[in-house]
Amino acid sequence: MSGRPLDVLEESLEESVTVHLKDGEEFTGVLTGYDQHMNIVLEGEDTIIIRGDNVVTIKP
């Protein structure tokens, strides 16, 4: 995967990803949505919405 960040997110839709946040927290789930601000929606045991300005990395 390479390219612009939103292109990478598009390629990762409906796949399992791990998201690392600025405060050290880590979430793993299926990426089900995102927007132009890189706010993301993860589905797992619960639905999690993460603000894009808190995200450090997203790994497939």
C-alpha atoms as a PDB file:
ATOM      1  CA  MET A   1       0.000   0.000   0.000  1.00  0.00           C
ATOM      2  CA  SER A   2       1.249   3.435  -0.866  1.00  0.00           C
ATOM      3  CA  GLY A   3      -0.171   6.739  -1.904  1.00  0.00           C
ATOM      4  CA  ARG A   4      -2.168   9.468  -0.326  1.00  0.00           C
ATOM      5  CA  PRO A   5      -3.527   8.759   3.180  1.00  0.00           C
ATOM      6  CA  LEU A   6      -7.170   8.762   2.090  1.00  0.00           C
ATOM      7  CA  ASP A   7      -6.336   6.358  -0.756  1.00  0.00           C
ATOM      8  CA  VAL A   8      -4.741   3.995   1.760  1.00  0.00           C
ATOM      9  CA  LEU A   9      -7.861   4.204   3.947  1.00  0.00           C
ATOM     10  CA  GLU A  10     -10.037   3.437   0.914  1.00  0.00           C
ATOM     11  CA  GLU A  11      -7.957   0.322   0.205  1.00  0.00           C
ATOM     12  CA  SER A  12      -8.323  -0.750   3.862  1.00  0.00           C
ATOM     13  CA  LEU A  13     -12.134  -0.471   4.033  1.00  0.00           C
ATOM     14  CA  GLU A  14     -13.819  -3.601   5.394  1.00  0.00           C
ATOM     15  CA  GLU A  15     -10.449  -4.974   6.569  1.00  0.00           C
ATOM     16  CA  SER A  16      -9.040  -5.350  10.065  1.00  0.00           C
ATOM     17  CA  VAL A  17      -6.745  -2.499  11.130  1.00  0.00           C
ATOM     18  CA  THR A  18      -4.935  -1.393  14.286  1.00  0.00           C
ATOM     19  CA  VAL A  19      -5.108   2.293  15.184  1.00  0.00           C
ATOM     20  CA  HIS A  20      -2.536   3.896  17.512  1.00  0.00           C
ATOM     21  CA  LEU A  21      -3.530   7.171  19.210  1.00  0.00           C
ATOM     22  CA  LYS A  22      -1.456  10.059  20.566  1.00  0.00           C
ATOM     23  CA  ASP A  23      -2.177   9.069  24.178  1.00  0.00           C
ATOM     24  CA  GLY A  24      -0.791   5.561  23.606  1.00  0.00           C
ATOM     25  CA  GLU A  25      -4.144   3.795  23.310  1.00  0.00           C
ATOM     26  CA  GLU A  26      -4.543   1.168  20.611  1.00  0.00           C
ATOM     27  CA  PHE A  27      -7.743  -0.059  18.953  1.00  0.00           C
ATOM     28  CA  THR A  28      -8.206  -2.990  16.585  1.00  0.00           C
ATOM     29  CA  GLY A  29     -11.293  -3.549  14.466  1.00  0.00           C
ATOM     30  CA  VAL A  30     -12.734  -3.570  10.979  1.00  0.00           C
ATOM     31  CA  LEU A  31     -12.508  -0.180   9.264  1.00  0.00           C
ATOM     32  CA  THR A  32     -16.062   0.552   8.153  1.00  0.00           C
ATOM     33  CA  GLY A  33     -15.870   4.265   7.425  1.00  0.00           C
ATOM     34  CA  TYR A  34     -13.836   7.458   7.333  1.00  0.00           C
ATOM     35  CA  ASP A  35     -14.126  11.065   6.164  1.00  0.00           C
ATOM     36  CA  GLN A  36     -11.878  13.770   4.699  1.00  0.00           C
ATOM     37  CA  HIS A  37     -10.637  14.672   8.215  1.00  0.00           C
ATOM     38  CA  MET A  38      -9.512  11.055   8.726  1.00  0.00           C
ATOM     39  CA  ASN A  39     -12.127  10.503  11.422  1.00  0.00           C
ATOM     40  CA  ILE A  40     -12.585   6.748  11.341  1.00  0.00           C
ATOM     41  CA  VAL A  41     -15.188   4.167  12.336  1.00  0.00           C
ATOM     42  CA  LEU A  42     -14.072   0.761  13.624  1.00  0.00           C
ATOM     43  CA  GLU A  43     -16.416  -2.180  14.134  1.00  0.00           C
ATOM     44  CA  GLY A  44     -15.596  -4.945  16.553  1.00  0.00           C
ATOM     45  CA  GLU A  45     -17.243  -5.879  19.821  1.00  0.00           C
ATOM     46  CA  ASP A  46     -18.418  -2.256  19.833  1.00  0.00           C
ATOM     47  CA  THR A  47     -18.552   0.527  17.259  1.00  0.00           C
ATOM     48  CA  ILE A  48     -15.769   3.042  17.851  1.00  0.00           C
ATOM     49  CA  ILE A  49     -15.520   6.480  16.250  1.00  0.00           C
ATOM     50  CA  ILE A  50     -12.059   8.031  16.457  1.00  0.00           C
ATOM     51  CA  ARG A  51     -11.275  11.664  15.667  1.00  0.00           C
ATOM     52  CA  GLY A  52      -8.617  11.945  13.002  1.00  0.00           C
ATOM     53  CA  ASP A  53      -6.531  14.481  14.951  1.00  0.00           C
ATOM     54  CA  ASN A  54      -5.871  11.819  17.643  1.00  0.00           C
ATOM     55  CA  VAL A  55      -4.551   9.187  15.211  1.00  0.00           C
ATOM     56  CA  VAL A  56      -0.808   8.532  14.984  1.00  0.00           C
ATOM     57  CA  THR A  57      -0.801   5.386  12.809  1.00  0.00           C
ATOM     58  CA  ILE A  58      -3.200   2.983  11.133  1.00  0.00           C
ATOM     59  CA  LYS A  59      -1.793  -0.437  10.314  1.00  0.00           C
ATOM     60  CA  PRO A  60      -3.524  -3.157   8.288  1.00  0.00           C
END
